[in-house]
């Protein structure tokens, strides 16, 4: 994530990955304030065993695109809700990548963080049968939680 203030959103991705048994790391890597850290992180991601990167960023939101420019791993961008423009600035910064530098862009905020983790887990599930089973169980649990008949109880 781009800053400590992104953690309340990005922790949801971490929680989903933990629940699915996907090993992961959480780091603060700012495209603007820690550019050397960003370069080192992105350029060594594959060699360190990462299979995908989830990058959350707010405001100008350059982190996902910068990471994607330095690694061939799949990068999933989570726009962080900003005070100024409610995350629309973040969303547009992440989604408008030039052709050839792809970033899979998710929804603004918590839903985006959760879905980024699920997409990353789906990628990893192709390589890891345990993650595939956990993802299948997660989806089945979601289905089981949906009532067939509406009720007045929440």
C-alpha atoms as a PDB file:
ATOM      1  CA  UNK A   1       0.000   0.000   0.000  1.00  0.00           C
ATOM      2  CA  UNK A   2       1.065   3.553  -0.541  1.00  0.00           C
ATOM      3  CA  UNK A   3       0.805   4.674   3.088  1.00  0.00           C
ATOM      4  CA  UNK A   4      -0.181   3.638   6.585  1.00  0.00           C
ATOM      5  CA  UNK A   5      -3.534   5.362   6.106  1.00  0.00           C
ATOM      6  CA  UNK A   6      -4.382   2.747   3.422  1.00  0.00           C
ATOM      7  CA  UNK A   7      -4.237  -0.115   5.952  1.00  0.00           C
ATOM      8  CA  UNK A   8      -7.878   0.157   7.159  1.00  0.00           C
ATOM      9  CA  UNK A   9      -8.884  -0.700   3.575  1.00  0.00           C
ATOM     10  CA  UNK A  10      -6.074  -3.071   2.627  1.00  0.00           C
ATOM     11  CA  UNK A  11      -6.347  -5.170   5.796  1.00  0.00           C
ATOM     12  CA  UNK A  12      -9.474  -6.679   4.237  1.00  0.00           C
ATOM     13  CA  UNK A  13      -7.350  -8.159   1.445  1.00  0.00           C
ATOM     14  CA  UNK A  14      -4.936  -9.549   4.026  1.00  0.00           C
ATOM     15  CA  UNK A  15      -7.779 -11.097   6.023  1.00  0.00           C
ATOM     16  CA  UNK A  16      -9.184 -12.862   2.953  1.00  0.00           C
ATOM     17  CA  UNK A  17      -5.753 -14.169   1.974  1.00  0.00           C
ATOM     18  CA  UNK A  18      -5.201 -15.456   5.520  1.00  0.00           C
ATOM     19  CA  UNK A  19      -8.609 -17.118   5.494  1.00  0.00           C
ATOM     20  CA  UNK A  20      -7.758 -18.875   2.215  1.00  0.00           C
ATOM     21  CA  UNK A  21      -4.313 -19.924   3.404  1.00  0.00           C
ATOM     22  CA  UNK A  22      -2.458 -17.781   0.876  1.00  0.00           C
ATOM     23  CA  UNK A  23       0.978 -16.734   2.129  1.00  0.00           C
ATOM     24  CA  UNK A  24       1.414 -13.007   1.630  1.00  0.00           C
ATOM     25  CA  UNK A  25       3.219  -9.933   2.822  1.00  0.00           C
ATOM     26  CA  UNK A  26       1.937  -6.472   3.637  1.00  0.00           C
ATOM     27  CA  UNK A  27       4.267  -3.559   2.953  1.00  0.00           C
ATOM     28  CA  UNK A  28       4.113   0.222   2.710  1.00  0.00           C
ATOM     29  CA  UNK A  29       5.729   1.248  -0.562  1.00  0.00           C
ATOM     30  CA  UNK A  30       5.019   4.781  -1.721  1.00  0.00           C
ATOM     31  CA  UNK A  31       5.532   5.657  -5.368  1.00  0.00           C
ATOM     32  CA  UNK A  32       6.139   9.267  -4.349  1.00  0.00           C
ATOM     33  CA  UNK A  33       7.811   9.135  -0.935  1.00  0.00           C
ATOM     34  CA  UNK A  34       9.841   5.900  -1.144  1.00  0.00           C
ATOM     35  CA  UNK A  35      10.695   5.483  -4.834  1.00  0.00           C
ATOM     36  CA  UNK A  36      13.857   3.449  -4.207  1.00  0.00           C
ATOM     37  CA  UNK A  37      11.875   1.074  -1.977  1.00  0.00           C
ATOM     38  CA  UNK A  38       9.283   0.780  -4.748  1.00  0.00           C
ATOM     39  CA  UNK A  39      11.860  -0.123  -7.392  1.00  0.00           C
ATOM     40  CA  UNK A  40      13.534  -2.705  -5.147  1.00  0.00           C
ATOM     41  CA  UNK A  41      10.188  -4.209  -4.128  1.00  0.00           C
ATOM     42  CA  UNK A  42       8.784  -4.499  -7.655  1.00  0.00           C
ATOM     43  CA  UNK A  43      11.970  -5.673  -9.336  1.00  0.00           C
ATOM     44  CA  UNK A  44      12.512  -8.463  -6.782  1.00  0.00           C
ATOM     45  CA  UNK A  45       8.884  -9.568  -6.386  1.00  0.00           C
ATOM     46  CA  UNK A  46       9.076 -12.612  -8.657  1.00  0.00           C
ATOM     47  CA  UNK A  47      12.481 -13.725  -7.333  1.00  0.00           C
ATOM     48  CA  UNK A  48      11.068 -13.536  -3.782  1.00  0.00           C
ATOM     49  CA  UNK A  49       8.334 -15.988  -4.786  1.00  0.00           C
ATOM     50  CA  UNK A  50       5.383 -13.667  -5.192  1.00  0.00           C
ATOM     51  CA  UNK A  51       2.767 -14.830  -7.699  1.00  0.00           C
ATOM     52  CA  UNK A  52       0.716 -11.618  -7.844  1.00  0.00           C
ATOM     53  CA  UNK A  53       0.716  -8.137  -6.335  1.00  0.00           C
ATOM     54  CA  UNK A  54      -2.227  -6.299  -4.802  1.00  0.00           C
ATOM     55  CA  UNK A  55      -1.430  -2.590  -4.701  1.00  0.00           C
ATOM     56  CA  UNK A  56      -3.702  -0.184  -2.863  1.00  0.00           C
ATOM     57  CA  UNK A  57      -3.239   3.534  -3.357  1.00  0.00           C
ATOM     58  CA  UNK A  58      -5.157   6.754  -2.911  1.00  0.00           C
ATOM     59  CA  UNK A  59      -5.082  10.179  -4.496  1.00  0.00           C
ATOM     60  CA  UNK A  60      -2.774  10.183  -7.507  1.00  0.00           C
ATOM     61  CA  UNK A  61      -2.533   6.399  -6.997  1.00  0.00           C
ATOM     62  CA  UNK A  62       0.624   5.747  -8.985  1.00  0.00           C
ATOM     63  CA  UNK A  63       1.701   2.684  -6.985  1.00  0.00           C
ATOM     64  CA  UNK A  64      -0.145  -0.042  -8.950  1.00  0.00           C
ATOM     65  CA  UNK A  65       0.986   1.269 -12.322  1.00  0.00           C
ATOM     66  CA  UNK A  66       4.562   1.759 -11.223  1.00  0.00           C
ATOM     67  CA  UNK A  67       4.690  -1.786  -9.835  1.00  0.00           C
ATOM     68  CA  UNK A  68       3.170  -3.124 -13.062  1.00  0.00           C
ATOM     69  CA  UNK A  69       5.828  -1.293 -15.069  1.00  0.00           C
ATOM     70  CA  UNK A  70       8.579  -3.162 -13.201  1.00  0.00           C
ATOM     71  CA  UNK A  71       7.236  -6.721 -12.944  1.00  0.00           C
ATOM     72  CA  UNK A  72       5.451  -9.143 -15.242  1.00  0.00           C
ATOM     73  CA  UNK A  73       3.458 -10.520 -12.300  1.00  0.00           C
ATOM     74  CA  UNK A  74      -0.280  -9.805 -12.325  1.00  0.00           C
ATOM     75  CA  UNK A  75      -0.941  -6.536 -10.480  1.00  0.00           C
ATOM     76  CA  UNK A  76      -4.352  -5.801  -8.998  1.00  0.00           C
ATOM     77  CA  UNK A  77      -5.008  -2.190  -8.042  1.00  0.00           C
ATOM     78  CA  UNK A  78      -7.294  -1.156  -5.214  1.00  0.00           C
ATOM     79  CA  UNK A  79      -8.346   2.498  -5.267  1.00  0.00           C
ATOM     80  CA  UNK A  80      -8.395   3.864  -1.722  1.00  0.00           C
ATOM     81  CA  UNK A  81     -11.280   6.154  -0.867  1.00  0.00           C
ATOM     82  CA  UNK A  82      -9.931   9.684  -0.639  1.00  0.00           C
ATOM     83  CA  UNK A  83     -11.363  12.641   1.234  1.00  0.00           C
ATOM     84  CA  UNK A  84     -11.124  15.028  -1.709  1.00  0.00           C
ATOM     85  CA  UNK A  85     -12.912  13.022  -4.398  1.00  0.00           C
ATOM     86  CA  UNK A  86     -14.225   9.930  -2.559  1.00  0.00           C
ATOM     87  CA  UNK A  87     -11.770   7.678  -4.368  1.00  0.00           C
ATOM     88  CA  UNK A  88     -12.726   8.651  -7.916  1.00  0.00           C
ATOM     89  CA  UNK A  89      -9.273  10.219  -8.321  1.00  0.00           C
ATOM     90  CA  UNK A  90      -7.675   6.956  -7.198  1.00  0.00           C
ATOM     91  CA  UNK A  91      -9.909   4.854  -9.441  1.00  0.00           C
ATOM     92  CA  UNK A  92      -9.200   6.907 -12.545  1.00  0.00           C
ATOM     93  CA  UNK A  93      -5.466   6.988 -11.837  1.00  0.00           C
ATOM     94  CA  UNK A  94      -5.332   3.205 -11.584  1.00  0.00           C
ATOM     95  CA  UNK A  95      -7.744   2.222 -14.342  1.00  0.00           C
ATOM     96  CA  UNK A  96      -6.339   4.534 -17.027  1.00  0.00           C
ATOM     97  CA  UNK A  97      -3.081   2.669 -17.604  1.00  0.00           C
ATOM     98  CA  UNK A  98      -1.566   2.885 -21.067  1.00  0.00           C
ATOM     99  CA  UNK A  99      -1.789  -0.158 -23.311  1.00  0.00           C
ATOM    100  CA  UNK A 100       0.995  -2.585 -22.499  1.00  0.00           C
ATOM    101  CA  UNK A 101       1.145  -1.873 -18.743  1.00  0.00           C
ATOM    102  CA  UNK A 102      -1.912  -3.679 -17.365  1.00  0.00           C
ATOM    103  CA  UNK A 103      -3.320  -3.250 -13.886  1.00  0.00           C
ATOM    104  CA  UNK A 104      -6.471  -5.154 -13.003  1.00  0.00           C
ATOM    105  CA  UNK A 105      -8.503  -2.451 -11.291  1.00  0.00           C
ATOM    106  CA  UNK A 106     -11.033  -3.199  -8.587  1.00  0.00           C
ATOM    107  CA  UNK A 107     -13.764  -1.225  -6.843  1.00  0.00           C
ATOM    108  CA  UNK A 108     -12.989   1.677  -4.543  1.00  0.00           C
ATOM    109  CA  UNK A 109     -12.407   0.733  -0.912  1.00  0.00           C
ATOM    110  CA  UNK A 110     -13.198  -2.382   1.109  1.00  0.00           C
ATOM    111  CA  UNK A 111     -15.052  -4.254  -1.655  1.00  0.00           C
ATOM    112  CA  UNK A 112     -12.105  -3.704  -3.983  1.00  0.00           C
ATOM    113  CA  UNK A 113      -9.627  -4.986  -1.392  1.00  0.00           C
ATOM    114  CA  UNK A 114     -11.697  -8.120  -0.775  1.00  0.00           C
ATOM    115  CA  UNK A 115     -12.145  -8.793  -4.492  1.00  0.00           C
ATOM    116  CA  UNK A 116      -8.457  -8.165  -5.213  1.00  0.00           C
ATOM    117  CA  UNK A 117      -7.601 -10.869  -2.676  1.00  0.00           C
ATOM    118  CA  UNK A 118     -10.108 -13.249  -4.245  1.00  0.00           C
ATOM    119  CA  UNK A 119      -8.730 -12.634  -7.738  1.00  0.00           C
ATOM    120  CA  UNK A 120      -5.149 -13.089  -6.541  1.00  0.00           C
ATOM    121  CA  UNK A 121      -6.214 -16.307  -4.796  1.00  0.00           C
ATOM    122  CA  UNK A 122      -7.852 -17.471  -8.042  1.00  0.00           C
ATOM    123  CA  UNK A 123      -4.551 -16.990  -9.860  1.00  0.00           C
ATOM    124  CA  UNK A 124      -2.680 -18.876  -7.138  1.00  0.00           C
ATOM    125  CA  UNK A 125      -5.328 -21.626  -7.060  1.00  0.00           C
ATOM    126  CA  UNK A 126      -4.108 -22.733 -10.504  1.00  0.00           C
ATOM    127  CA  UNK A 127      -0.770 -23.562  -8.879  1.00  0.00           C
ATOM    128  CA  UNK A 128      -1.854 -24.683  -5.408  1.00  0.00           C
ATOM    129  CA  UNK A 129      -4.604 -27.285  -4.828  1.00  0.00           C
ATOM    130  CA  UNK A 130      -4.981 -26.250  -1.157  1.00  0.00           C
ATOM    131  CA  UNK A 131      -5.770 -22.684  -2.157  1.00  0.00           C
ATOM    132  CA  UNK A 132      -8.160 -23.982  -4.830  1.00  0.00           C
ATOM    133  CA  UNK A 133     -10.018 -26.030  -2.214  1.00  0.00           C
ATOM    134  CA  UNK A 134     -10.142 -23.085   0.203  1.00  0.00           C
ATOM    135  CA  UNK A 135     -11.471 -20.812  -2.543  1.00  0.00           C
ATOM    136  CA  UNK A 136     -14.140 -23.371  -3.478  1.00  0.00           C
ATOM    137  CA  UNK A 137     -15.162 -23.624   0.182  1.00  0.00           C
ATOM    138  CA  UNK A 138     -15.300 -19.832   0.491  1.00  0.00           C
ATOM    139  CA  UNK A 139     -17.592 -19.585  -2.529  1.00  0.00           C
ATOM    140  CA  UNK A 140     -19.822 -22.408  -1.275  1.00  0.00           C
ATOM    141  CA  UNK A 141     -20.100 -20.671   2.101  1.00  0.00           C
ATOM    142  CA  UNK A 142     -21.123 -17.448   0.374  1.00  0.00           C
ATOM    143  CA  UNK A 143     -23.813 -19.314  -1.544  1.00  0.00           C
ATOM    144  CA  UNK A 144     -25.075 -21.022   1.598  1.00  0.00           C
ATOM    145  CA  UNK A 145     -25.518 -17.649   3.332  1.00  0.00           C
ATOM    146  CA  UNK A 146     -28.063 -16.449   0.752  1.00  0.00           C
ATOM    147  CA  UNK A 147     -31.598 -17.151   1.907  1.00  0.00           C
ATOM    148  CA  UNK A 148     -34.042 -18.462  -0.656  1.00  0.00           C
ATOM    149  CA  UNK A 149     -37.019 -16.761   0.935  1.00  0.00           C
ATOM    150  CA  UNK A 150     -36.921 -13.193   2.293  1.00  0.00           C
ATOM    151  CA  UNK A 151     -37.537 -12.578   5.976  1.00  0.00           C
ATOM    152  CA  UNK A 152     -37.970  -9.582   8.267  1.00  0.00           C
ATOM    153  CA  UNK A 153     -34.912 -10.645  10.288  1.00  0.00           C
ATOM    154  CA  UNK A 154     -31.590  -9.202   9.251  1.00  0.00           C
END
